[in-house]
């Protein structure tokens, strides 16, 4: 019998069922912004400590924007806020579930279960593995609250147990092996070690989906992994959140790279094949300036942007583009007001500017240094791009967002 079924009957010591009472749930909701004031207070409820109350309040607050379905549902039990910080957001989990399909999927690094929850909407059966028993019990309880009864939870090593049967998809989100290791730049330094276990994993599924940190260098990922058919670079509001590697047994084609930037009212998509090449056309700033979104920047498809949209690039390393006519573009668009040489004799032209958004692209000075030198505070509607043109001329592009 799975843990999910067990929880329909009883709770373990990891789950304090007193917290789920209506009175305490209302208390948690009403004190969402008061947790710091409660630290030295005494719990007003028998059977629930102030520490437990603060944990629930802080974690719930962390979920408000990241996990709205959990936040707005009654009787959700929250884990420590660190688990909330480390889990996928609903936006990225929903996207993840949209790129795979089948009847049966295994999530071998289950965590708080956001990915498993969305997998359960498109797969008939989800096996959710998590070694942390307390976290698993909390997650399983929430699956019941959210009525996801096709998820089976196991307090077992997912990597070992997943090899006992066949799946349409196996999913893994490798984490750092040691917290004191700092930033991880290789998949082999993560747990589980996917590159090492890749051959046996591929024997037990039709498709393997791996989520990695946006910090991972794409070339490193392709070198460490084999049979990658797709790479999805997912950004939310111009902030890259995760890299999704789709791996198929014995895939021999050319990997397809998909970039997506998800914002409140639209999605910017730009796709290409690995190693696609194109001719780049360079030019000086014209009427409009374009800056690719973060997902495209991560992909490194700088030359393809110029060719695909028929716009000129300012410099090989500047990654800013320009045109005379305004086009639909996957990134920020600006109308250029003025282009000024980066020379001391021209600095007085900026003396009347109190606020501006300063960005550097292929430029030797830092934003902090430029703000201090020009005495310009952050903010406002004006944008100043300090960059370099093809002729290695340093310029300041003053523009306004379209």
Protein backbone atom coordinates (compact mmCIF):
# COMPACT_ATOMS: atom_id res chain seq x y z
CA UNK A 1 0.00 0.00 0.00
CA UNK A 2 1.43 3.37 -0.95
CA UNK A 3 2.00 6.16 1.50
CA UNK A 4 -0.71 8.15 -0.27
CA UNK A 5 -3.28 5.53 0.68
CA UNK A 6 -1.94 5.31 4.22
CA UNK A 7 -2.45 9.02 4.68
CA UNK A 8 -6.15 8.62 4.04
CA UNK A 9 -6.30 6.77 7.35
CA UNK A 10 -3.73 8.38 9.63
CA UNK A 11 -0.92 10.90 9.98
CA UNK A 12 2.63 10.18 11.06
CA UNK A 13 4.68 12.15 13.57
CA UNK A 14 5.95 14.35 10.73
CA UNK A 15 2.51 15.79 10.08
CA UNK A 16 0.86 17.63 12.97
CA UNK A 17 -2.81 17.30 12.05
CA UNK A 18 -3.76 19.97 14.61
CA UNK A 19 -2.38 22.55 12.14
CA UNK A 20 -5.13 21.60 9.69
CA UNK A 21 -7.96 22.74 11.96
CA UNK A 22 -10.04 25.66 10.67
CA UNK A 23 -9.06 27.91 13.58
CA UNK A 24 -5.31 27.41 13.08
CA UNK A 25 -5.59 27.67 9.31
CA UNK A 26 -7.31 31.04 9.75
CA UNK A 27 -4.57 32.10 12.18
CA UNK A 28 -1.87 31.23 9.64
CA UNK A 29 -3.70 33.16 6.93
CA UNK A 30 -4.26 36.24 9.10
CA UNK A 31 -0.63 36.40 10.26
CA UNK A 32 1.00 36.09 6.86
CA UNK A 33 3.00 39.30 7.35
CA UNK A 34 3.52 39.02 11.10
CA UNK A 35 5.78 35.97 11.51
CA UNK A 36 8.78 38.03 12.68
CA UNK A 37 6.68 39.47 15.52
CA UNK A 38 5.71 35.98 16.69
CA UNK A 39 9.25 34.66 17.28
CA UNK A 40 9.24 35.41 21.01
CA UNK A 41 5.53 34.78 21.49
CA UNK A 42 3.82 31.79 23.01
CA UNK A 43 1.67 29.60 20.82
CA UNK A 44 -2.03 30.35 21.35
CA UNK A 45 -2.90 26.74 20.50
CA UNK A 46 -2.45 23.54 22.44
CA UNK A 47 -0.57 20.88 20.54
CA UNK A 48 1.08 23.30 18.10
CA UNK A 49 4.34 25.12 18.84
CA UNK A 50 5.09 28.67 17.80
CA UNK A 51 7.94 27.29 15.69
CA UNK A 52 5.48 25.16 13.72
CA UNK A 53 3.17 28.11 13.23
CA UNK A 54 5.97 30.33 11.96
CA UNK A 55 7.13 27.62 9.56
CA UNK A 56 3.65 27.37 8.09
CA UNK A 57 3.25 31.15 7.85
CA UNK A 58 6.64 31.73 6.19
CA UNK A 59 6.29 28.87 3.72
CA UNK A 60 2.74 29.89 2.80
CA UNK A 61 3.92 33.46 2.15
CA UNK A 62 6.72 32.10 -0.09
CA UNK A 63 4.09 30.20 -2.08
CA UNK A 64 1.85 33.15 -2.88
CA UNK A 65 3.30 33.99 -6.29
CA UNK A 66 5.27 30.82 -6.98
CA UNK A 67 2.56 28.27 -6.11
CA UNK A 68 -0.83 30.03 -6.29
CA UNK A 69 -2.83 26.77 -6.44
CA UNK A 70 -1.32 25.67 -3.14
CA UNK A 71 -1.58 29.13 -1.60
CA UNK A 72 -5.29 29.48 -2.38
CA UNK A 73 -6.26 25.93 -1.36
CA UNK A 74 -7.58 25.12 2.10
CA UNK A 75 -5.73 22.67 4.42
CA UNK A 76 -2.43 22.75 2.55
CA UNK A 77 0.41 21.64 4.81
CA UNK A 78 3.68 23.46 4.14
CA UNK A 79 7.23 22.12 4.51
CA UNK A 80 10.16 24.33 5.61
CA UNK A 81 10.42 27.36 3.31
CA UNK A 82 13.73 26.04 1.90
CA UNK A 83 11.73 23.30 0.17
CA UNK A 84 9.46 25.97 -1.31
CA UNK A 85 12.48 27.92 -2.56
CA UNK A 86 14.01 24.83 -4.19
CA UNK A 87 10.92 23.42 -5.91
CA UNK A 88 9.70 24.25 -9.41
CA UNK A 89 7.21 27.05 -9.85
CA UNK A 90 3.74 26.24 -11.15
CA UNK A 91 4.53 28.10 -14.38
CA UNK A 92 7.62 26.03 -15.16
CA UNK A 93 6.05 22.75 -13.97
CA UNK A 94 3.06 23.30 -16.26
CA UNK A 95 5.38 23.92 -19.20
CA UNK A 96 7.40 20.83 -18.31
CA UNK A 97 4.29 18.64 -18.43
CA UNK A 98 3.35 20.06 -21.83
CA UNK A 99 6.49 18.78 -23.60
CA UNK A 100 6.12 15.10 -22.68
CA UNK A 101 3.34 12.53 -22.90
CA UNK A 102 2.46 8.94 -22.10
CA UNK A 103 0.60 6.78 -19.60
CA UNK A 104 3.23 6.29 -16.89
CA UNK A 105 5.92 8.57 -15.54
CA UNK A 106 8.38 8.35 -12.65
CA UNK A 107 9.65 11.42 -10.80
CA UNK A 108 12.78 10.05 -9.11
CA UNK A 109 13.64 13.31 -7.29
CA UNK A 110 10.13 14.16 -6.09
CA UNK A 111 10.69 16.96 -3.59
CA UNK A 112 7.58 19.02 -2.78
CA UNK A 113 5.81 17.50 -5.78
CA UNK A 114 4.98 20.48 -7.98
CA UNK A 115 6.25 18.68 -11.10
CA UNK A 116 4.50 15.43 -10.15
CA UNK A 117 1.25 17.35 -9.65
CA UNK A 118 1.33 18.68 -13.21
CA UNK A 119 2.52 15.36 -14.63
CA UNK A 120 -0.59 13.81 -13.09
CA UNK A 121 -2.79 16.00 -15.28
CA UNK A 122 -1.42 14.45 -18.49
CA UNK A 123 -0.29 10.96 -17.38
CA UNK A 124 -2.52 8.18 -16.05
CA UNK A 125 0.00 7.12 -13.40
CA UNK A 126 2.73 9.07 -11.62
CA UNK A 127 5.31 7.43 -9.34
CA UNK A 128 6.71 10.03 -6.97
CA UNK A 129 9.94 9.05 -5.15
CA UNK A 130 11.33 11.06 -2.23
CA UNK A 131 13.81 9.83 0.42
CA UNK A 132 12.90 12.56 2.93
CA UNK A 133 9.98 10.82 4.67
CA UNK A 134 8.66 13.94 6.37
CA UNK A 135 8.65 15.89 3.13
CA UNK A 136 7.02 12.96 1.35
CA UNK A 137 4.20 12.74 3.91
CA UNK A 138 3.55 16.46 3.60
CA UNK A 139 3.55 16.22 -0.19
CA UNK A 140 1.27 13.18 -0.22
CA UNK A 141 -1.21 14.93 2.07
CA UNK A 142 -1.32 17.88 -0.31
CA UNK A 143 -1.89 15.59 -3.29
CA UNK A 144 -5.00 14.32 -1.50
CA UNK A 145 -6.17 17.85 -0.76
CA UNK A 146 -5.66 18.78 -4.42
CA UNK A 147 -7.44 15.59 -5.55
CA UNK A 148 -4.53 14.09 -7.49
CA UNK A 149 -5.32 10.46 -6.75
CA UNK A 150 -3.28 9.04 -9.62
CA UNK A 151 0.02 9.87 -7.89
CA UNK A 152 1.65 7.05 -5.94
CA UNK A 153 4.23 8.16 -3.38
CA UNK A 154 7.25 6.10 -2.31
CA UNK A 155 9.72 6.87 0.48
CA UNK A 156 12.44 5.09 -1.46
CA UNK A 157 15.49 5.76 -3.63
CA UNK A 158 13.95 6.65 -6.96
CA UNK A 159 17.05 5.83 -8.98
CA UNK A 160 17.18 2.26 -7.65
CA UNK A 161 13.45 1.52 -7.68
CA UNK A 162 12.71 3.00 -11.07
CA UNK A 163 14.83 0.29 -12.66
CA UNK A 164 12.34 -2.37 -11.56
CA UNK A 165 9.75 -1.53 -14.23
CA UNK A 166 9.17 0.27 -17.50
CA UNK A 167 8.01 3.88 -17.88
CA UNK A 168 7.06 6.10 -20.75
CA UNK A 169 9.07 8.90 -19.12
CA UNK A 170 11.55 9.12 -16.25
CA UNK A 171 12.08 12.60 -14.82
CA UNK A 172 14.93 13.82 -12.63
CA UNK A 173 15.96 17.13 -11.12
CA UNK A 174 19.55 16.52 -9.90
CA UNK A 175 20.70 18.57 -6.93
CA UNK A 176 24.12 19.43 -5.50
CA UNK A 177 25.74 16.48 -3.78
CA UNK A 178 27.23 18.69 -1.05
CA UNK A 179 25.86 22.04 0.06
CA UNK A 180 29.38 23.36 0.69
CA UNK A 181 30.33 22.65 -2.91
CA UNK A 182 28.95 26.01 -4.01
CA UNK A 183 27.93 26.50 -7.61
CA UNK A 184 27.92 23.27 -9.61
CA UNK A 185 29.14 23.43 -13.20
CA UNK A 186 29.03 19.72 -14.10
CA UNK A 187 26.18 17.21 -13.98
CA UNK A 188 28.56 14.60 -12.60
CA UNK A 189 28.81 16.74 -9.45
CA UNK A 190 25.07 16.45 -8.83
CA UNK A 191 22.97 13.81 -7.10
CA UNK A 192 21.91 11.60 -8.77
CA UNK A 193 24.82 11.44 -11.19
CA UNK A 194 22.78 11.31 -14.40
CA UNK A 195 25.68 10.93 -16.88
CA UNK A 196 26.94 7.86 -14.99
CA UNK A 197 23.49 6.24 -14.71
CA UNK A 198 22.26 7.28 -18.16
CA UNK A 199 22.64 3.85 -19.87
CA UNK A 200 20.54 1.97 -17.29
CA UNK A 201 17.91 4.72 -17.07
CA UNK A 202 17.39 4.67 -20.83
CA UNK A 203 16.76 0.93 -20.72
CA UNK A 204 13.68 1.55 -18.56
CA UNK A 205 11.96 4.41 -20.41
CA UNK A 206 11.02 5.72 -23.83
CA UNK A 207 12.13 9.19 -22.88
CA UNK A 208 14.23 10.76 -20.11
CA UNK A 209 13.58 14.34 -18.99
CA UNK A 210 16.31 16.08 -16.99
CA UNK A 211 15.96 19.48 -15.35
CA UNK A 212 19.16 21.38 -14.63
CA UNK A 213 20.04 24.75 -13.19
CA UNK A 214 20.29 27.70 -15.61
CA UNK A 215 23.86 28.06 -14.29
CA UNK A 216 24.88 24.95 -16.25
CA UNK A 217 26.86 25.76 -19.38
CA UNK A 218 24.94 24.37 -22.36
CA UNK A 219 28.07 23.04 -24.06
CA UNK A 220 28.94 21.18 -20.85
CA UNK A 221 25.46 19.64 -20.77
CA UNK A 222 25.74 18.39 -24.35
CA UNK A 223 29.21 16.98 -23.63
CA UNK A 224 28.08 15.11 -20.52
CA UNK A 225 24.78 13.79 -21.83
CA UNK A 226 24.16 11.48 -24.78
CA UNK A 227 21.15 11.11 -27.08
CA UNK A 228 19.75 14.61 -26.34
CA UNK A 229 16.90 15.23 -28.79
CA UNK A 230 15.69 18.56 -27.38
CA UNK A 231 16.87 21.28 -25.04
CA UNK A 232 14.25 23.67 -23.66
CA UNK A 233 15.52 26.92 -22.14
CA UNK A 234 12.72 28.24 -19.95
CA UNK A 235 12.60 31.83 -18.74
CA UNK A 236 9.86 33.55 -16.73
CA UNK A 237 9.62 37.33 -16.98
CA UNK A 238 13.04 37.44 -18.64
CA UNK A 239 14.74 35.37 -15.93
CA UNK A 240 16.01 31.93 -16.99
CA UNK A 241 14.65 29.41 -14.48
CA UNK A 242 15.66 26.01 -15.82
CA UNK A 243 17.12 23.95 -18.65
CA UNK A 244 15.12 20.90 -19.71
CA UNK A 245 16.98 18.11 -21.50
CA UNK A 246 14.86 15.59 -23.44
CA UNK A 247 16.80 12.37 -24.02
CA UNK A 248 15.68 9.47 -26.22
CA UNK A 249 17.38 6.05 -26.29
CA UNK A 250 19.81 5.85 -29.23
CA UNK A 251 18.75 9.20 -30.69
CA UNK A 252 21.02 10.02 -33.62
CA UNK A 253 19.53 13.21 -35.04
CA UNK A 254 20.47 16.84 -34.49
CA UNK A 255 19.24 18.24 -31.14
CA UNK A 256 16.54 20.90 -31.36
CA UNK A 257 16.89 23.91 -29.05
CA UNK A 258 13.72 25.66 -27.93
CA UNK A 259 13.78 28.95 -26.04
CA UNK A 260 10.68 30.29 -24.33
CA UNK A 261 10.16 33.42 -22.26
CA UNK A 262 6.88 33.33 -20.36
CA UNK A 263 5.38 36.63 -19.23
CA UNK A 264 1.97 37.56 -17.85
CA UNK A 265 0.17 38.01 -21.16
CA UNK A 266 2.29 36.27 -23.80
CA UNK A 267 5.10 33.84 -24.61
CA UNK A 268 8.15 34.58 -26.77
CA UNK A 269 9.40 31.49 -28.58
CA UNK A 270 12.57 31.11 -30.66
CA UNK A 271 13.65 27.67 -31.89
CA UNK A 272 16.61 26.35 -33.86
CA UNK A 273 18.80 23.28 -34.33
CA UNK A 274 22.12 22.80 -32.57
CA UNK A 275 25.03 24.06 -34.66
CA UNK A 276 22.79 26.04 -37.05
CA UNK A 277 24.86 28.72 -38.73
CA UNK A 278 23.95 31.88 -40.59
CA UNK A 279 25.42 35.01 -42.08
CA UNK A 280 25.46 38.05 -39.80
CA UNK A 281 24.85 41.56 -41.07
CA UNK A 282 26.45 44.31 -38.98
CA UNK A 283 25.47 47.97 -38.88
CA UNK A 284 25.34 51.20 -36.90
CA UNK A 285 22.30 52.05 -34.72
CA UNK A 286 19.26 53.02 -36.80
CA UNK A 287 15.76 53.95 -35.58
CA UNK A 288 15.07 50.94 -33.35
CA UNK A 289 17.17 48.87 -30.92
CA UNK A 290 16.49 45.27 -29.91
CA UNK A 291 17.71 43.21 -26.96
CA UNK A 292 16.98 39.43 -27.04
CA UNK A 293 15.23 37.92 -24.02
CA UNK A 294 17.20 35.98 -21.39
CA UNK A 295 16.33 32.54 -22.82
CA UNK A 296 17.78 33.44 -26.21
CA UNK A 297 20.82 35.00 -24.57
CA UNK A 298 21.39 31.74 -22.71
CA UNK A 299 21.08 29.75 -25.94
CA UNK A 300 23.87 31.71 -27.66
CA UNK A 301 21.88 32.04 -30.92
CA UNK A 302 23.16 35.56 -31.54
CA UNK A 303 23.93 35.22 -35.24
CA UNK A 304 20.67 33.40 -35.95
CA UNK A 305 18.69 36.31 -34.51
CA UNK A 306 20.22 38.70 -37.03
CA UNK A 307 19.52 36.36 -39.95
CA UNK A 308 16.04 35.20 -38.86
CA UNK A 309 14.67 38.70 -38.28
CA UNK A 310 16.73 40.47 -40.97
CA UNK A 311 18.12 43.03 -38.53
CA UNK A 312 21.66 44.32 -38.16
CA UNK A 313 23.92 43.46 -35.25
CA UNK A 314 25.99 46.23 -33.67
CA UNK A 315 29.06 44.10 -32.93
CA UNK A 316 30.02 40.45 -32.77
CA UNK A 317 30.06 40.53 -28.95
CA UNK A 318 27.48 43.25 -28.20
CA UNK A 319 24.31 41.19 -28.86
CA UNK A 320 22.22 44.24 -29.61
CA UNK A 321 20.36 44.65 -32.92
CA UNK A 322 18.92 47.50 -34.93
CA UNK A 323 16.57 48.30 -37.83
CA UNK A 324 14.78 51.18 -39.54
CA UNK A 325 11.37 49.52 -39.29
CA UNK A 326 9.83 48.24 -36.06
CA UNK A 327 9.44 44.45 -36.06
CA UNK A 328 7.89 41.83 -33.78
CA UNK A 329 10.83 40.61 -31.71
CA UNK A 330 11.38 38.06 -28.87
CA UNK A 331 12.82 40.52 -26.41
CA UNK A 332 12.85 44.19 -25.47
CA UNK A 333 12.26 46.82 -28.18
CA UNK A 334 13.37 50.45 -28.00
CA UNK A 335 13.08 53.56 -30.13
CA UNK A 336 16.48 55.28 -30.34
CA UNK A 337 16.49 58.93 -29.31
CA UNK A 338 20.18 59.66 -29.70
CA UNK A 339 23.57 58.01 -30.17
CA UNK A 340 26.50 59.67 -28.41
CA UNK A 341 30.21 58.78 -28.60
CA UNK A 342 31.59 57.62 -25.26
CA UNK A 343 33.98 60.50 -24.85
CA UNK A 344 34.54 62.84 -21.91
CA UNK A 345 33.69 65.94 -23.94
CA UNK A 346 30.17 64.57 -24.50
CA UNK A 347 29.42 63.72 -20.84
CA UNK A 348 27.97 67.18 -20.20
CA UNK A 349 25.06 66.19 -22.48
CA UNK A 350 23.89 63.88 -19.69
CA UNK A 351 24.15 66.43 -16.88
CA UNK A 352 20.41 67.16 -16.92
CA UNK A 353 19.46 63.49 -16.56
CA UNK A 354 18.56 62.55 -12.98
CA UNK A 355 17.37 58.96 -13.55
CA UNK A 356 17.93 56.32 -16.22
CA UNK A 357 18.14 52.55 -16.65
CA UNK A 358 21.76 51.81 -17.51
CA UNK A 359 22.89 48.61 -19.27
CA UNK A 360 26.29 47.57 -20.56
CA UNK A 361 26.80 45.26 -23.54
CA UNK A 362 30.39 44.51 -24.57
CA UNK A 363 31.64 47.53 -22.67
CA UNK A 364 34.73 47.88 -20.42
CA UNK A 365 33.15 49.86 -17.55
CA UNK A 366 30.71 48.68 -14.88
CA UNK A 367 27.20 50.06 -14.38
CA UNK A 368 28.18 51.28 -10.90
CA UNK A 369 31.14 53.19 -12.30
CA UNK A 370 29.04 54.80 -15.07
CA UNK A 371 26.34 55.87 -12.61
CA UNK A 372 28.92 57.52 -10.38
CA UNK A 373 30.73 59.21 -13.24
CA UNK A 374 27.59 60.58 -14.88
CA UNK A 375 25.75 61.10 -11.58
CA UNK A 376 22.66 59.29 -12.78
CA UNK A 377 20.35 57.43 -10.41
CA UNK A 378 18.52 54.21 -11.30
CA UNK A 379 14.94 54.35 -12.59
CA UNK A 380 12.72 56.37 -14.90
CA UNK A 381 11.64 55.77 -18.51
CA UNK A 382 14.96 56.52 -20.18
CA UNK A 383 17.33 53.65 -21.12
CA UNK A 384 21.04 54.13 -21.73
CA UNK A 385 22.94 51.31 -23.43
CA UNK A 386 26.72 51.58 -23.21
CA UNK A 387 28.06 49.35 -25.95
CA UNK A 388 30.56 48.87 -28.79
CA UNK A 389 29.95 49.03 -32.54
CA UNK A 390 31.56 46.89 -35.24
CA UNK A 391 34.33 49.47 -35.68
CA UNK A 392 35.15 49.08 -31.97
CA UNK A 393 33.76 52.52 -31.22
CA UNK A 394 32.33 52.99 -27.73
CA UNK A 395 28.90 54.61 -27.81
CA UNK A 396 25.95 55.51 -25.60
CA UNK A 397 22.54 54.70 -27.07
CA UNK A 398 19.77 56.73 -25.46
CA UNK A 399 16.38 55.18 -26.04
CA UNK A 400 12.84 54.65 -24.82
CA UNK A 401 10.98 51.36 -24.48
CA UNK A 402 8.39 50.63 -27.19
